[in-house]
Amino acid sequence: SGGVRRLIFLHVQTPQRAATPASLFAINATRTPQFLADVDVHGLSVLEIKDLGPGTGWGKVPTPLF
Protein backbone atom coordinates (compact mmCIF):
# COMPACT_ATOMS: atom_id res chain seq x y z
CA SER A 1 0.00 0.00 0.00
CA GLY A 2 1.06 3.65 -0.32
CA GLY A 3 1.71 4.05 3.40
CA VAL A 4 4.24 1.22 3.72
CA ARG A 5 7.91 2.17 3.70
CA ARG A 6 10.98 -0.06 3.88
CA LEU A 7 13.72 1.22 6.16
CA ILE A 8 17.17 -0.33 5.82
CA PHE A 9 19.50 0.12 8.79
CA LEU A 10 23.22 0.19 8.03
CA HIS A 11 26.46 -0.13 9.93
CA VAL A 12 28.76 2.58 8.54
CA GLN A 13 32.51 2.17 8.98
CA THR A 14 34.62 5.22 8.16
CA PRO A 15 38.37 5.42 7.65
CA GLN A 16 38.66 8.07 10.39
CA ARG A 17 39.25 6.92 13.95
CA ALA A 18 36.39 9.06 15.30
CA ALA A 19 33.29 9.14 13.14
CA THR A 20 31.48 12.44 12.76
CA PRO A 21 28.00 13.01 11.32
CA ALA A 22 29.61 14.34 8.12
CA SER A 23 31.85 11.27 7.77
CA LEU A 24 28.74 9.08 7.46
CA PHE A 25 28.36 10.49 3.93
CA ALA A 26 31.97 9.77 2.92
CA ILE A 27 32.31 8.01 -0.42
CA ASN A 28 34.98 5.65 0.97
CA ALA A 29 32.89 4.59 4.00
CA THR A 30 31.84 0.94 4.08
CA ARG A 31 28.13 0.39 4.54
CA THR A 32 26.92 -3.02 5.66
CA PRO A 33 23.17 -3.69 5.90
CA GLN A 34 22.10 -4.89 9.37
CA PHE A 35 18.33 -5.30 9.12
CA LEU A 36 15.26 -3.91 7.40
CA ALA A 37 11.87 -2.92 8.72
CA ASP A 38 8.67 -2.53 6.73
CA VAL A 39 6.66 0.20 8.46
CA ASP A 40 3.09 1.37 7.90
CA VAL A 41 3.63 5.12 8.32
CA HIS A 42 -0.09 5.90 8.48
CA GLY A 43 -0.92 3.25 11.08
CA LEU A 44 2.41 3.68 12.92
CA SER A 45 3.04 -0.05 13.00
CA VAL A 46 5.94 -2.32 12.12
CA LEU A 47 4.82 -4.95 9.63
CA GLU A 48 8.03 -6.98 9.31
CA ILE A 49 11.63 -7.00 10.50
CA LYS A 50 14.25 -9.03 8.66
CA ASP A 51 17.93 -9.49 9.48
CA LEU A 52 20.33 -8.74 6.64
CA GLY A 53 23.98 -9.53 6.23
CA PRO A 54 26.92 -9.61 3.85
CA GLY A 55 25.08 -12.10 1.62
CA THR A 56 22.51 -9.46 0.61
CA GLY A 57 24.61 -8.28 -2.33
CA TRP A 58 26.24 -5.26 -0.73
CA GLY A 59 28.81 -7.17 1.27
CA LYS A 60 31.67 -4.86 2.24
CA VAL A 61 31.49 -2.77 -0.94
CA PRO A 62 31.79 1.00 -0.34
CA THR A 63 28.38 2.36 -1.36
CA PRO A 64 28.02 6.12 -1.83
CA LEU A 65 24.68 7.69 -0.95
CA PHE A 66 23.73 9.91 -3.80
PDB file of N, CA and C in Angstrom:
ATOM      1  N   SER A   1       0.832  -1.182   0.000  1.00  0.00           N
ATOM      2  CA  SER A   1       0.000   0.000   0.000  1.00  0.00           C
ATOM      3  C   SER A   1       0.874   1.242   0.000  1.00  0.00           C
ATOM      4  N   GLY A   2       0.296   2.423  -0.216  1.00  0.00           N
ATOM      5  CA  GLY A   2       1.058   3.653  -0.320  1.00  0.00           C
ATOM      6  C   GLY A   2       1.655   4.131   0.982  1.00  0.00           C
ATOM      7  N   GLY A   3       1.192   3.596   2.115  1.00  0.00           N
ATOM      8  CA  GLY A   3       1.710   4.045   3.397  1.00  0.00           C
ATOM      9  C   GLY A   3       2.802   3.169   3.967  1.00  0.00           C
ATOM     10  N   VAL A   4       3.210   2.131   3.219  1.00  0.00           N
ATOM     11  CA  VAL A   4       4.241   1.222   3.715  1.00  0.00           C
ATOM     12  C   VAL A   4       5.598   1.658   3.182  1.00  0.00           C
ATOM     13  N   ARG A   5       6.548   1.795   4.079  1.00  0.00           N
ATOM     14  CA  ARG A   5       7.908   2.173   3.699  1.00  0.00           C
ATOM     15  C   ARG A   5       8.884   1.143   4.230  1.00  0.00           C
ATOM     16  N   ARG A   6       9.922   0.861   3.452  1.00  0.00           N
ATOM     17  CA  ARG A   6      10.975  -0.055   3.879  1.00  0.00           C
ATOM     18  C   ARG A   6      12.165   0.768   4.349  1.00  0.00           C
ATOM     19  N   LEU A   7      12.566   0.551   5.579  1.00  0.00           N
ATOM     20  CA  LEU A   7      13.724   1.222   6.159  1.00  0.00           C
ATOM     21  C   LEU A   7      14.855   0.208   6.276  1.00  0.00           C
ATOM     22  N   ILE A   8      16.011   0.549   5.742  1.00  0.00           N
ATOM     23  CA  ILE A   8      17.174  -0.332   5.823  1.00  0.00           C
ATOM     24  C   ILE A   8      18.186   0.326   6.747  1.00  0.00           C
ATOM     25  N   PHE A   9      18.566  -0.388   7.796  1.00  0.00           N
ATOM     26  CA  PHE A   9      19.500   0.122   8.789  1.00  0.00           C
ATOM     27  C   PHE A   9      20.891  -0.405   8.475  1.00  0.00           C
ATOM     28  N   LEU A  10      21.852   0.507   8.444  1.00  0.00           N
ATOM     29  CA  LEU A  10      23.216   0.188   8.029  1.00  0.00           C
ATOM     30  C   LEU A  10      24.213   0.377   9.162  1.00  0.00           C
ATOM     31  N   HIS A  11      25.278  -0.395   9.110  1.00  0.00           N
ATOM     32  CA  HIS A  11      26.462  -0.125   9.925  1.00  0.00           C
ATOM     33  C   HIS A  11      27.428   0.596   8.988  1.00  0.00           C
ATOM     34  N   VAL A  12      27.866   1.785   9.373  1.00  0.00           N
ATOM     35  CA  VAL A  12      28.763   2.582   8.537  1.00  0.00           C
ATOM     36  C   VAL A  12      30.129   2.631   9.205  1.00  0.00           C
ATOM     37  N   GLN A  13      31.134   2.158   8.476  1.00  0.00           N
ATOM     38  CA  GLN A  13      32.506   2.174   8.980  1.00  0.00           C
ATOM     39  C   GLN A  13      33.301   3.181   8.159  1.00  0.00           C
ATOM     40  N   THR A  14      33.867   4.171   8.832  1.00  0.00           N
ATOM     41  CA  THR A  14      34.618   5.223   8.156  1.00  0.00           C
ATOM     42  C   THR A  14      36.109   5.036   8.388  1.00  0.00           C
ATOM     43  N   PRO A  15      36.924   5.555   7.487  1.00  0.00           N
ATOM     44  CA  PRO A  15      38.369   5.421   7.653  1.00  0.00           C
ATOM     45  C   PRO A  15      38.919   6.242   8.828  1.00  0.00           C
ATOM     46  N   GLN A  16      38.205   7.265   9.271  1.00  0.00           N
ATOM     47  CA  GLN A  16      38.660   8.075  10.389  1.00  0.00           C
ATOM     48  C   GLN A  16      38.490   7.296  11.692  1.00  0.00           C
ATOM     49  N   ARG A  17      39.350   7.592  12.653  1.00  0.00           N
ATOM     50  CA  ARG A  17      39.250   6.923  13.953  1.00  0.00           C
ATOM     51  C   ARG A  17      37.959   7.313  14.665  1.00  0.00           C
ATOM     52  N   ALA A  18      37.612   8.590  14.653  1.00  0.00           N
ATOM     53  CA  ALA A  18      36.394   9.057  15.302  1.00  0.00           C
ATOM     54  C   ALA A  18      35.403   9.497  14.223  1.00  0.00           C
ATOM     55  N   ALA A  19      34.289   8.802  14.144  1.00  0.00           N
ATOM     56  CA  ALA A  19      33.287   9.142  13.140  1.00  0.00           C
ATOM     57  C   ALA A  19      32.546  10.409  13.544  1.00  0.00           C
ATOM     58  N   THR A  20      32.271  11.234  12.563  1.00  0.00           N
ATOM     59  CA  THR A  20      31.480  12.437  12.765  1.00  0.00           C
ATOM     60  C   THR A  20      30.215  12.300  11.916  1.00  0.00           C
ATOM     61  N   PRO A  21      29.192  13.090  12.178  1.00  0.00           N
ATOM     62  CA  PRO A  21      27.998  13.006  11.324  1.00  0.00           C
ATOM     63  C   PRO A  21      28.332  13.209   9.840  1.00  0.00           C
ATOM     64  N   ALA A  22      29.245  14.102   9.526  1.00  0.00           N
ATOM     65  CA  ALA A  22      29.609  14.343   8.124  1.00  0.00           C
ATOM     66  C   ALA A  22      30.328  13.142   7.521  1.00  0.00           C
ATOM     67  N   SER A  23      31.106  12.415   8.317  1.00  0.00           N
ATOM     68  CA  SER A  23      31.850  11.273   7.771  1.00  0.00           C
ATOM     69  C   SER A  23      30.930  10.126   7.373  1.00  0.00           C
ATOM     70  N   LEU A  24      29.681  10.127   7.856  1.00  0.00           N
ATOM     71  CA  LEU A  24      28.743   9.079   7.461  1.00  0.00           C
ATOM     72  C   LEU A  24      28.400   9.144   5.982  1.00  0.00           C
ATOM     73  N   PHE A  25      28.633  10.313   5.355  1.00  0.00           N
ATOM     74  CA  PHE A  25      28.358  10.485   3.931  1.00  0.00           C
ATOM     75  C   PHE A  25      29.605  10.337   3.076  1.00  0.00           C
ATOM     76  N   ALA A  26      30.713   9.915   3.662  1.00  0.00           N
ATOM     77  CA  ALA A  26      31.965   9.765   2.920  1.00  0.00           C
ATOM     78  C   ALA A  26      31.815   8.698   1.838  1.00  0.00           C
ATOM     79  N   ILE A  27      32.392   8.964   0.690  1.00  0.00           N
ATOM     80  CA  ILE A  27      32.315   8.006  -0.416  1.00  0.00           C
ATOM     81  C   ILE A  27      33.079   6.732  -0.086  1.00  0.00           C
ATOM     82  N   ASN A  28      34.185   6.837   0.678  1.00  0.00           N
ATOM     83  CA  ASN A  28      34.985   5.649   0.975  1.00  0.00           C
ATOM     84  C   ASN A  28      34.569   4.962   2.272  1.00  0.00           C
ATOM     85  N   ALA A  29      33.416   5.297   2.830  1.00  0.00           N
ATOM     86  CA  ALA A  29      32.888   4.592   3.998  1.00  0.00           C
ATOM     87  C   ALA A  29      32.284   3.265   3.544  1.00  0.00           C
ATOM     88  N   THR A  30      32.426   2.247   4.378  1.00  0.00           N
ATOM     89  CA  THR A  30      31.841   0.939   4.083  1.00  0.00           C
ATOM     90  C   THR A  30      30.500   0.836   4.776  1.00  0.00           C
ATOM     91  N   ARG A  31      29.482   0.514   4.006  1.00  0.00           N
ATOM     92  CA  ARG A  31      28.128   0.392   4.536  1.00  0.00           C
ATOM     93  C   ARG A  31      27.676  -1.060   4.449  1.00  0.00           C
ATOM     94  N   THR A  32      27.357  -1.636   5.596  1.00  0.00           N
ATOM     95  CA  THR A  32      26.924  -3.018   5.657  1.00  0.00           C
ATOM     96  C   THR A  32      25.488  -3.052   6.186  1.00  0.00           C
ATOM     97  N   PRO A  33      24.559  -3.632   5.429  1.00  0.00           N
ATOM     98  CA  PRO A  33      23.175  -3.689   5.901  1.00  0.00           C
ATOM     99  C   PRO A  33      23.065  -4.578   7.130  1.00  0.00           C
ATOM    100  N   GLN A  34      22.303  -4.132   8.138  1.00  0.00           N
ATOM    101  CA  GLN A  34      22.105  -4.886   9.368  1.00  0.00           C
ATOM    102  C   GLN A  34      20.726  -5.545   9.388  1.00  0.00           C
ATOM    103  N   PHE A  35      19.685  -4.753   9.160  1.00  0.00           N
ATOM    104  CA  PHE A  35      18.333  -5.299   9.124  1.00  0.00           C
ATOM    105  C   PHE A  35      17.426  -4.313   8.396  1.00  0.00           C
ATOM    106  N   LEU A  36      16.242  -4.790   8.009  1.00  0.00           N
ATOM    107  CA  LEU A  36      15.260  -3.909   7.395  1.00  0.00           C
ATOM    108  C   LEU A  36      13.964  -4.005   8.174  1.00  0.00           C
ATOM    109  N   ALA A  37      13.186  -2.955   8.079  1.00  0.00           N
ATOM    110  CA  ALA A  37      11.867  -2.923   8.719  1.00  0.00           C
ATOM    111  C   ALA A  37      10.881  -2.345   7.722  1.00  0.00           C
ATOM    112  N   ASP A  38       9.780  -3.054   7.514  1.00  0.00           N
ATOM    113  CA  ASP A  38       8.674  -2.531   6.726  1.00  0.00           C
ATOM    114  C   ASP A  38       7.711  -1.877   7.709  1.00  0.00           C
ATOM    115  N   VAL A  39       7.442  -0.586   7.508  1.00  0.00           N
ATOM    116  CA  VAL A  39       6.658   0.200   8.459  1.00  0.00           C
ATOM    117  C   VAL A  39       5.455   0.815   7.755  1.00  0.00           C
ATOM    118  N   ASP A  40       4.287   0.686   8.371  1.00  0.00           N
ATOM    119  CA  ASP A  40       3.091   1.370   7.900  1.00  0.00           C
ATOM    120  C   ASP A  40       3.113   2.752   8.550  1.00  0.00           C
ATOM    121  N   VAL A  41       3.456   3.773   7.759  1.00  0.00           N
ATOM    122  CA  VAL A  41       3.631   5.116   8.319  1.00  0.00           C
ATOM    123  C   VAL A  41       2.305   5.768   8.705  1.00  0.00           C
ATOM    124  N   HIS A  42       1.214   5.334   8.122  1.00  0.00           N
ATOM    125  CA  HIS A  42      -0.088   5.899   8.476  1.00  0.00           C
ATOM    126  C   HIS A  42      -0.632   5.261   9.756  1.00  0.00           C
ATOM    127  N   GLY A  43      -0.446   3.965   9.892  1.00  0.00           N
ATOM    128  CA  GLY A  43      -0.922   3.254  11.079  1.00  0.00           C
ATOM    129  C   GLY A  43       0.100   3.182  12.195  1.00  0.00           C
ATOM    130  N   LEU A  44       1.321   3.702  11.934  1.00  0.00           N
ATOM    131  CA  LEU A  44       2.406   3.682  12.919  1.00  0.00           C
ATOM    132  C   LEU A  44       2.638   2.293  13.488  1.00  0.00           C
ATOM    133  N   SER A  45       2.789   1.318  12.569  1.00  0.00           N
ATOM    134  CA  SER A  45       3.041  -0.052  13.003  1.00  0.00           C
ATOM    135  C   SER A  45       4.148  -0.674  12.163  1.00  0.00           C
ATOM    136  N   VAL A  46       4.886  -1.564  12.798  1.00  0.00           N
ATOM    137  CA  VAL A  46       5.940  -2.319  12.119  1.00  0.00           C
ATOM    138  C   VAL A  46       5.315  -3.591  11.573  1.00  0.00           C
ATOM    139  N   LEU A  47       5.434  -3.792  10.262  1.00  0.00           N
ATOM    140  CA  LEU A  47       4.818  -4.954   9.626  1.00  0.00           C
ATOM    141  C   LEU A  47       5.755  -6.152   9.596  1.00  0.00           C
ATOM    142  N   GLU A  48       7.057  -5.885   9.404  1.00  0.00           N
ATOM    143  CA  GLU A  48       8.026  -6.976   9.313  1.00  0.00           C
ATOM    144  C   GLU A  48       9.411  -6.440   9.633  1.00  0.00           C
ATOM    145  N   ILE A  49      10.209  -7.284  10.279  1.00  0.00           N
ATOM    146  CA  ILE A  49      11.630  -6.997  10.503  1.00  0.00           C
ATOM    147  C   ILE A  49      12.397  -8.197   9.999  1.00  0.00           C
ATOM    148  N   LYS A  50      13.456  -7.947   9.231  1.00  0.00           N
ATOM    149  CA  LYS A  50      14.245  -9.030   8.661  1.00  0.00           C
ATOM    150  C   LYS A  50      15.725  -8.709   8.826  1.00  0.00           C
ATOM    151  N   ASP A  51      16.487  -9.661   9.367  1.00  0.00           N
ATOM    152  CA  ASP A  51      17.933  -9.493   9.477  1.00  0.00           C
ATOM    153  C   ASP A  51      18.565  -9.561   8.095  1.00  0.00           C
ATOM    154  N   LEU A  52      19.576  -8.740   7.887  1.00  0.00           N
ATOM    155  CA  LEU A  52      20.327  -8.738   6.636  1.00  0.00           C
ATOM    156  C   LEU A  52      21.796  -8.979   6.975  1.00  0.00           C
ATOM    157  N   GLY A  53      22.564  -9.304   5.985  1.00  0.00           N
ATOM    158  CA  GLY A  53      23.980  -9.530   6.227  1.00  0.00           C
ATOM    159  C   GLY A  53      24.783  -9.376   4.965  1.00  0.00           C
ATOM    160  N   PRO A  54      26.044  -9.761   5.017  1.00  0.00           N
ATOM    161  CA  PRO A  54      26.916  -9.606   3.852  1.00  0.00           C
ATOM    162  C   PRO A  54      26.408 -10.327   2.611  1.00  0.00           C
ATOM    163  N   GLY A  55      25.585 -11.353   2.760  1.00  0.00           N
ATOM    164  CA  GLY A  55      25.075 -12.096   1.620  1.00  0.00           C
ATOM    165  C   GLY A  55      23.954 -11.392   0.878  1.00  0.00           C
ATOM    166  N   THR A  56      23.605 -10.163   1.254  1.00  0.00           N
ATOM    167  CA  THR A  56      22.512  -9.457   0.609  1.00  0.00           C
ATOM    168  C   THR A  56      22.906  -8.818  -0.716  1.00  0.00           C
ATOM    169  N   GLY A  57      24.165  -8.869  -1.064  1.00  0.00           N
ATOM    170  CA  GLY A  57      24.605  -8.283  -2.330  1.00  0.00           C
ATOM    171  C   GLY A  57      25.484  -7.067  -2.128  1.00  0.00           C
ATOM    172  N   TRP A  58      25.376  -6.405  -0.978  1.00  0.00           N
ATOM    173  CA  TRP A  58      26.240  -5.263  -0.730  1.00  0.00           C
ATOM    174  C   TRP A  58      27.588  -5.701  -0.191  1.00  0.00           C
ATOM    175  N   GLY A  59      27.575  -6.708   0.670  1.00  0.00           N
ATOM    176  CA  GLY A  59      28.809  -7.168   1.270  1.00  0.00           C
ATOM    177  C   GLY A  59      29.557  -6.035   1.936  1.00  0.00           C
ATOM    178  N   LYS A  60      30.841  -5.913   1.664  1.00  0.00           N
ATOM    179  CA  LYS A  60      31.671  -4.862   2.243  1.00  0.00           C
ATOM    180  C   LYS A  60      32.020  -3.811   1.195  1.00  0.00           C
ATOM    181  N   VAL A  61      31.229  -3.718   0.134  1.00  0.00           N
ATOM    182  CA  VAL A  61      31.492  -2.775  -0.945  1.00  0.00           C
ATOM    183  C   VAL A  61      31.183  -1.339  -0.479  1.00  0.00           C
ATOM    184  N   PRO A  62      32.114  -0.394  -0.672  1.00  0.00           N
ATOM    185  CA  PRO A  62      31.788   0.996  -0.342  1.00  0.00           C
ATOM    186  C   PRO A  62      30.639   1.481  -1.236  1.00  0.00           C
ATOM    187  N   THR A  63      29.579   1.971  -0.627  1.00  0.00           N
ATOM    188  CA  THR A  63      28.380   2.361  -1.362  1.00  0.00           C
ATOM    189  C   THR A  63      28.069   3.822  -1.099  1.00  0.00           C
ATOM    190  N   PRO A  64      28.332   4.700  -2.062  1.00  0.00           N
ATOM    191  CA  PRO A  64      28.021   6.119  -1.827  1.00  0.00           C
ATOM    192  C   PRO A  64      26.511   6.359  -1.803  1.00  0.00           C
ATOM    193  N   LEU A  65      26.102   7.365  -1.062  1.00  0.00           N
ATOM    194  CA  LEU A  65      24.683   7.691  -0.954  1.00  0.00           C
ATOM    195  C   LEU A  65      24.373   8.924  -1.767  1.00  0.00           C
ATOM    196  N   PHE A  66      24.233   8.777  -3.076  1.00  0.00           N
ATOM    197  CA  PHE A  66      23.728   9.910  -3.803  1.00  0.00           C
ATOM    198  C   PHE A  66      22.750   9.484  -4.838  1.00  0.00           C
TER     199      PHE A  66
END
